[in-house]
N, C-alpha and C. Protein backbone atom coordinates (compact mmCIF):
# COMPACT_ATOMS: atom_id res chain seq x y z
N UNK A 1 -9.68 72.52 44.13
CA UNK A 1 -9.36 71.31 43.41
C UNK A 1 -10.22 70.15 43.93
N UNK A 2 -10.36 70.05 45.24
CA UNK A 2 -11.16 68.98 45.84
C UNK A 2 -12.61 69.07 45.40
N UNK A 3 -13.13 70.30 45.32
CA UNK A 3 -14.52 70.48 44.88
C UNK A 3 -14.70 70.01 43.44
N UNK A 4 -13.69 70.21 42.60
CA UNK A 4 -13.74 69.74 41.22
C UNK A 4 -13.80 68.21 41.16
N UNK A 5 -13.07 67.55 42.04
CA UNK A 5 -13.10 66.07 42.09
C UNK A 5 -14.45 65.57 42.57
N UNK A 6 -15.05 66.30 43.51
CA UNK A 6 -16.38 65.92 44.00
C UNK A 6 -17.42 66.12 42.90
N UNK A 7 -17.34 67.25 42.20
CA UNK A 7 -18.28 67.54 41.11
C UNK A 7 -18.16 66.49 40.00
N UNK A 8 -16.92 66.05 39.73
CA UNK A 8 -16.70 65.04 38.69
C UNK A 8 -17.02 63.63 39.17
N UNK A 9 -17.39 63.51 40.43
CA UNK A 9 -17.76 62.24 41.07
C UNK A 9 -16.59 61.25 41.15
N UNK A 10 -15.38 61.79 41.26
CA UNK A 10 -14.21 60.94 41.50
C UNK A 10 -13.97 60.77 42.99
N UNK A 11 -14.49 61.70 43.77
CA UNK A 11 -14.36 61.69 45.23
C UNK A 11 -15.72 62.04 45.80
N UNK A 12 -16.02 61.46 46.97
CA UNK A 12 -17.27 61.82 47.65
C UNK A 12 -16.95 62.26 49.08
N UNK A 13 -17.73 63.23 49.56
CA UNK A 13 -17.56 63.75 50.91
C UNK A 13 -18.51 63.01 51.84
N UNK A 14 -18.01 62.66 53.02
CA UNK A 14 -18.80 61.94 54.02
C UNK A 14 -18.63 62.63 55.37
N UNK A 15 -19.55 62.33 56.28
CA UNK A 15 -19.41 62.83 57.64
C UNK A 15 -18.76 61.74 58.49
N UNK A 16 -17.71 62.13 59.22
CA UNK A 16 -16.98 61.19 60.05
C UNK A 16 -17.68 60.93 61.37
N UNK A 17 -17.09 60.08 62.22
CA UNK A 17 -17.68 59.72 63.51
C UNK A 17 -17.85 60.92 64.43
N UNK A 18 -16.93 61.84 64.38
CA UNK A 18 -16.98 62.99 65.27
C UNK A 18 -17.54 64.22 64.57
N UNK A 19 -18.24 64.03 63.47
CA UNK A 19 -18.84 65.13 62.75
C UNK A 19 -17.90 65.83 61.78
N UNK A 20 -16.66 65.36 61.70
CA UNK A 20 -15.73 65.99 60.76
C UNK A 20 -15.96 65.45 59.35
N UNK A 21 -15.45 66.16 58.37
CA UNK A 21 -15.69 65.79 56.99
C UNK A 21 -14.58 64.86 56.50
N UNK A 22 -14.97 63.75 55.91
CA UNK A 22 -14.03 62.78 55.35
C UNK A 22 -14.25 62.68 53.85
N UNK A 23 -13.23 62.25 53.14
CA UNK A 23 -13.31 62.10 51.69
C UNK A 23 -12.91 60.69 51.31
N UNK A 24 -13.62 60.15 50.33
CA UNK A 24 -13.36 58.79 49.88
C UNK A 24 -13.39 58.77 48.36
N UNK A 25 -12.47 58.02 47.76
CA UNK A 25 -12.44 57.89 46.32
C UNK A 25 -13.61 57.00 45.89
N UNK A 26 -14.22 57.33 44.79
CA UNK A 26 -15.36 56.55 44.29
C UNK A 26 -14.88 55.51 43.28
N UNK A 27 -15.81 54.69 42.81
CA UNK A 27 -15.48 53.68 41.80
C UNK A 27 -14.98 54.36 40.53
N UNK A 28 -15.59 55.48 40.15
CA UNK A 28 -15.15 56.22 38.97
C UNK A 28 -13.73 56.77 39.18
N UNK A 29 -13.45 57.21 40.39
CA UNK A 29 -12.11 57.72 40.70
C UNK A 29 -11.07 56.61 40.63
N UNK A 30 -11.45 55.41 41.08
CA UNK A 30 -10.53 54.28 41.03
C UNK A 30 -10.19 53.87 39.60
N UNK A 31 -11.17 54.05 38.70
CA UNK A 31 -10.98 53.65 37.30
C UNK A 31 -10.31 54.72 36.44
N UNK A 32 -10.17 55.92 36.97
CA UNK A 32 -9.62 57.02 36.17
C UNK A 32 -8.18 56.70 35.75
N UNK A 33 -7.84 56.94 34.47
CA UNK A 33 -6.51 56.58 33.97
C UNK A 33 -5.35 57.30 34.67
N UNK A 34 -5.57 58.49 35.18
CA UNK A 34 -4.48 59.19 35.86
C UNK A 34 -4.18 58.60 37.23
N UNK A 35 -5.10 57.85 37.78
CA UNK A 35 -4.86 57.23 39.08
C UNK A 35 -3.98 55.99 38.94
N UNK A 36 -4.13 55.27 37.86
CA UNK A 36 -3.42 54.02 37.68
C UNK A 36 -1.96 54.21 37.33
N UNK A 37 -1.21 54.82 38.21
CA UNK A 37 0.21 55.01 37.96
C UNK A 37 0.89 53.65 37.96
N UNK A 38 1.71 53.45 36.97
CA UNK A 38 2.47 52.21 36.89
C UNK A 38 3.60 52.30 37.91
N UNK A 39 3.58 51.39 38.83
CA UNK A 39 4.64 51.42 39.84
C UNK A 39 5.91 50.82 39.24
N UNK A 40 6.98 51.53 39.44
CA UNK A 40 8.26 51.03 38.96
C UNK A 40 8.89 50.20 40.06
N UNK A 41 9.29 49.03 39.70
CA UNK A 41 9.94 48.17 40.67
C UNK A 41 11.45 48.27 40.50
N UNK A 42 12.14 48.18 41.60
CA UNK A 42 13.59 48.24 41.55
C UNK A 42 14.13 47.04 40.78
N UNK A 43 15.22 47.28 40.09
CA UNK A 43 15.86 46.18 39.37
C UNK A 43 16.49 45.23 40.39
N UNK A 44 16.57 43.99 40.00
CA UNK A 44 17.22 43.01 40.87
C UNK A 44 18.68 43.40 41.04
N UNK A 45 19.23 43.15 42.22
CA UNK A 45 20.63 43.49 42.41
C UNK A 45 21.52 42.71 41.45
N UNK A 46 22.59 43.34 41.06
CA UNK A 46 23.52 42.66 40.16
C UNK A 46 24.22 41.54 40.91
N UNK A 47 24.51 40.46 40.22
CA UNK A 47 25.24 39.37 40.89
C UNK A 47 26.64 39.84 41.25
N UNK A 48 27.25 39.21 42.26
CA UNK A 48 28.58 39.66 42.68
C UNK A 48 29.63 39.53 41.59
N UNK A 49 29.44 38.61 40.67
CA UNK A 49 30.36 38.46 39.54
C UNK A 49 29.55 38.21 38.28
N UNK A 50 30.05 38.72 37.17
CA UNK A 50 29.33 38.55 35.91
C UNK A 50 30.18 37.88 34.84
N UNK A 51 31.46 37.77 35.07
CA UNK A 51 32.37 37.21 34.09
C UNK A 51 32.26 35.68 34.05
N UNK A 52 32.24 35.13 32.84
CA UNK A 52 32.20 33.68 32.69
C UNK A 52 33.45 33.02 33.27
N UNK A 53 34.59 33.68 33.11
CA UNK A 53 35.83 33.12 33.64
C UNK A 53 35.79 33.06 35.17
N UNK A 54 35.26 34.10 35.80
CA UNK A 54 35.14 34.11 37.26
C UNK A 54 34.17 33.02 37.70
N UNK A 55 33.08 32.87 36.98
CA UNK A 55 32.11 31.81 37.31
C UNK A 55 32.76 30.43 37.21
N UNK A 56 33.59 30.23 36.19
CA UNK A 56 34.25 28.93 36.04
C UNK A 56 35.21 28.66 37.19
N UNK A 57 35.93 29.69 37.63
CA UNK A 57 36.84 29.53 38.76
C UNK A 57 36.05 29.15 40.01
N UNK A 58 34.97 29.88 40.28
CA UNK A 58 34.15 29.57 41.46
C UNK A 58 33.55 28.17 41.37
N UNK A 59 33.07 27.82 40.20
CA UNK A 59 32.47 26.50 40.01
C UNK A 59 33.51 25.39 40.21
N UNK A 60 34.72 25.62 39.73
CA UNK A 60 35.79 24.62 39.88
C UNK A 60 36.12 24.42 41.35
N UNK A 61 36.22 25.51 42.09
CA UNK A 61 36.50 25.41 43.54
C UNK A 61 35.33 24.76 44.25
N UNK A 62 34.11 25.11 43.87
CA UNK A 62 32.91 24.52 44.48
C UNK A 62 32.89 23.01 44.28
N UNK A 63 33.16 22.57 43.06
CA UNK A 63 33.10 21.14 42.76
C UNK A 63 34.19 20.34 43.47
N UNK A 64 35.32 20.99 43.76
CA UNK A 64 36.42 20.29 44.43
C UNK A 64 36.39 20.47 45.94
N UNK A 65 35.65 21.42 46.42
CA UNK A 65 35.63 21.70 47.86
C UNK A 65 36.68 22.72 48.23
N UNK A 66 37.92 22.52 47.81
CA UNK A 66 39.02 23.46 48.05
C UNK A 66 40.12 23.16 47.03
N UNK A 67 40.74 24.21 46.52
CA UNK A 67 41.81 24.04 45.53
C UNK A 67 42.89 25.09 45.75
N UNK A 68 44.12 24.71 45.43
CA UNK A 68 45.21 25.68 45.42
C UNK A 68 45.13 26.48 44.13
N UNK A 69 45.72 27.64 44.15
CA UNK A 69 45.72 28.48 42.95
C UNK A 69 46.33 27.73 41.77
N UNK A 70 47.40 27.02 42.01
CA UNK A 70 48.07 26.27 40.95
C UNK A 70 47.12 25.25 40.32
N UNK A 71 46.29 24.60 41.14
CA UNK A 71 45.36 23.60 40.61
C UNK A 71 44.28 24.25 39.74
N UNK A 72 43.77 25.39 40.19
CA UNK A 72 42.77 26.12 39.40
C UNK A 72 43.40 26.57 38.08
N UNK A 73 44.62 27.09 38.18
CA UNK A 73 45.34 27.57 37.00
C UNK A 73 45.51 26.44 35.97
N UNK A 74 45.92 25.28 36.45
CA UNK A 74 46.15 24.14 35.54
C UNK A 74 44.85 23.62 34.96
N UNK A 75 43.84 23.50 35.78
CA UNK A 75 42.58 22.93 35.32
C UNK A 75 41.88 23.82 34.29
N UNK A 76 41.96 25.14 34.47
CA UNK A 76 41.25 26.05 33.58
C UNK A 76 42.17 26.72 32.55
N UNK A 77 43.45 26.39 32.58
CA UNK A 77 44.44 26.98 31.65
C UNK A 77 44.43 28.50 31.69
N UNK A 78 44.50 29.03 32.89
CA UNK A 78 44.55 30.48 33.09
C UNK A 78 45.99 30.86 33.40
N UNK A 79 46.53 31.90 32.77
CA UNK A 79 47.91 32.32 33.05
C UNK A 79 48.10 32.70 34.53
N UNK A 80 49.31 32.48 35.03
CA UNK A 80 49.62 32.71 36.44
C UNK A 80 49.26 34.13 36.89
N UNK A 81 49.63 35.15 36.10
CA UNK A 81 49.36 36.54 36.48
C UNK A 81 47.85 36.78 36.59
N UNK A 82 47.10 36.22 35.68
CA UNK A 82 45.64 36.40 35.68
C UNK A 82 44.99 35.71 36.87
N UNK A 83 45.41 34.48 37.17
CA UNK A 83 44.77 33.75 38.25
C UNK A 83 45.09 34.39 39.60
N UNK A 84 46.30 34.92 39.76
CA UNK A 84 46.63 35.60 41.01
C UNK A 84 45.76 36.84 41.21
N UNK A 85 45.61 37.64 40.17
CA UNK A 85 44.76 38.83 40.26
C UNK A 85 43.30 38.44 40.48
N UNK A 86 42.88 37.39 39.81
CA UNK A 86 41.50 36.92 39.94
C UNK A 86 41.20 36.44 41.36
N UNK A 87 42.11 35.72 41.96
CA UNK A 87 41.90 35.24 43.32
C UNK A 87 41.88 36.40 44.31
N UNK A 88 42.71 37.41 44.09
CA UNK A 88 42.68 38.60 44.95
C UNK A 88 41.32 39.30 44.83
N UNK A 89 40.82 39.39 43.62
CA UNK A 89 39.49 39.98 43.38
C UNK A 89 38.41 39.20 44.13
N UNK A 90 38.45 37.88 44.02
CA UNK A 90 37.45 37.04 44.69
C UNK A 90 37.56 37.14 46.20
N UNK A 91 38.77 37.31 46.71
CA UNK A 91 38.94 37.51 48.16
C UNK A 91 38.34 38.85 48.58
N UNK A 92 38.57 39.90 47.79
CA UNK A 92 37.99 41.21 48.12
C UNK A 92 36.47 41.18 48.09
N UNK A 93 35.91 40.38 47.20
CA UNK A 93 34.45 40.23 47.10
C UNK A 93 33.90 39.28 48.17
N UNK A 94 34.78 38.71 48.98
CA UNK A 94 34.41 37.76 50.05
C UNK A 94 33.74 36.51 49.50
N UNK A 95 34.19 36.07 48.32
CA UNK A 95 33.63 34.87 47.71
C UNK A 95 34.50 33.64 47.95
N UNK A 96 35.79 33.85 48.20
CA UNK A 96 36.70 32.75 48.52
C UNK A 96 37.52 33.12 49.74
N UNK A 97 38.02 32.10 50.40
CA UNK A 97 38.88 32.29 51.57
C UNK A 97 39.98 31.23 51.53
N UNK A 98 41.15 31.63 51.97
CA UNK A 98 42.28 30.72 52.03
C UNK A 98 42.12 29.85 53.27
N UNK A 99 42.32 28.55 53.09
CA UNK A 99 42.22 27.61 54.21
C UNK A 99 43.64 27.36 54.72
N UNK A 100 43.95 27.91 55.83
CA UNK A 100 45.28 27.73 56.39
C UNK A 100 46.17 28.93 56.14
N UNK A 101 47.32 28.93 56.80
CA UNK A 101 48.25 30.05 56.73
C UNK A 101 49.42 29.82 55.76
N UNK A 102 49.55 28.60 55.26
CA UNK A 102 50.66 28.29 54.38
C UNK A 102 50.58 29.14 53.10
N UNK A 103 51.74 29.35 52.49
CA UNK A 103 51.81 30.16 51.27
C UNK A 103 50.90 29.62 50.17
N UNK A 104 50.95 28.31 49.96
CA UNK A 104 50.14 27.73 48.88
C UNK A 104 48.96 26.92 49.43
N UNK A 105 48.36 27.42 50.51
CA UNK A 105 47.17 26.77 51.08
C UNK A 105 46.01 26.87 50.07
N UNK A 106 45.12 25.90 50.09
CA UNK A 106 44.00 25.93 49.14
C UNK A 106 42.95 26.98 49.52
N UNK A 107 42.13 27.29 48.55
CA UNK A 107 41.01 28.22 48.73
C UNK A 107 39.71 27.44 48.68
N UNK A 108 38.73 27.92 49.44
CA UNK A 108 37.38 27.36 49.34
C UNK A 108 36.40 28.52 49.27
N UNK A 109 35.17 28.22 48.94
CA UNK A 109 34.15 29.26 48.85
C UNK A 109 33.69 29.67 50.26
N UNK A 110 33.43 30.95 50.43
CA UNK A 110 32.87 31.46 51.67
C UNK A 110 31.35 31.25 51.63
N UNK A 111 30.68 31.64 52.69
CA UNK A 111 29.21 31.56 52.69
C UNK A 111 28.63 32.40 51.56
N UNK A 112 29.23 33.58 51.32
CA UNK A 112 28.76 34.43 50.21
C UNK A 112 28.99 33.74 48.88
N UNK A 113 30.13 33.07 48.75
CA UNK A 113 30.42 32.34 47.52
C UNK A 113 29.44 31.21 47.29
N UNK A 114 29.07 30.51 48.36
CA UNK A 114 28.09 29.43 48.25
C UNK A 114 26.71 29.99 47.91
N UNK A 115 26.34 31.16 48.48
CA UNK A 115 25.05 31.77 48.19
C UNK A 115 24.94 32.15 46.72
N UNK A 116 26.05 32.53 46.12
CA UNK A 116 26.08 32.87 44.71
C UNK A 116 25.54 31.72 43.86
N UNK A 117 25.85 30.48 44.23
CA UNK A 117 25.41 29.32 43.46
C UNK A 117 24.02 28.86 43.81
N UNK A 118 23.50 29.28 44.94
CA UNK A 118 22.16 28.85 45.35
C UNK A 118 21.06 29.71 44.76
N UNK A 119 21.42 30.83 44.14
CA UNK A 119 20.41 31.74 43.60
C UNK A 119 19.86 31.23 42.31
């Protein structure tokens, strides 16, 4: 196979420093269509959240600095059951954290939550 590439002038044989045989691709070899493989690039990672409602919750907390669940619920008109589940989801994603130990302590964005908005 190598001899065929040399005959086609896609590769040339050279003598190395220690007398061994080296091979180098030629200009014709560089231009050959089979060499120009299109490199596939990895897709960008998916954002941690894709839902508009989740984005609005994060944005509301970001703009206020910290908010209680009740305040987010009232401001965005989200039902109580939905906002509770949503906040648990955001906590699992490490995007929000509760400030304090009280039952109705406010939530603020974590470093990961802040990075979400800086992208």
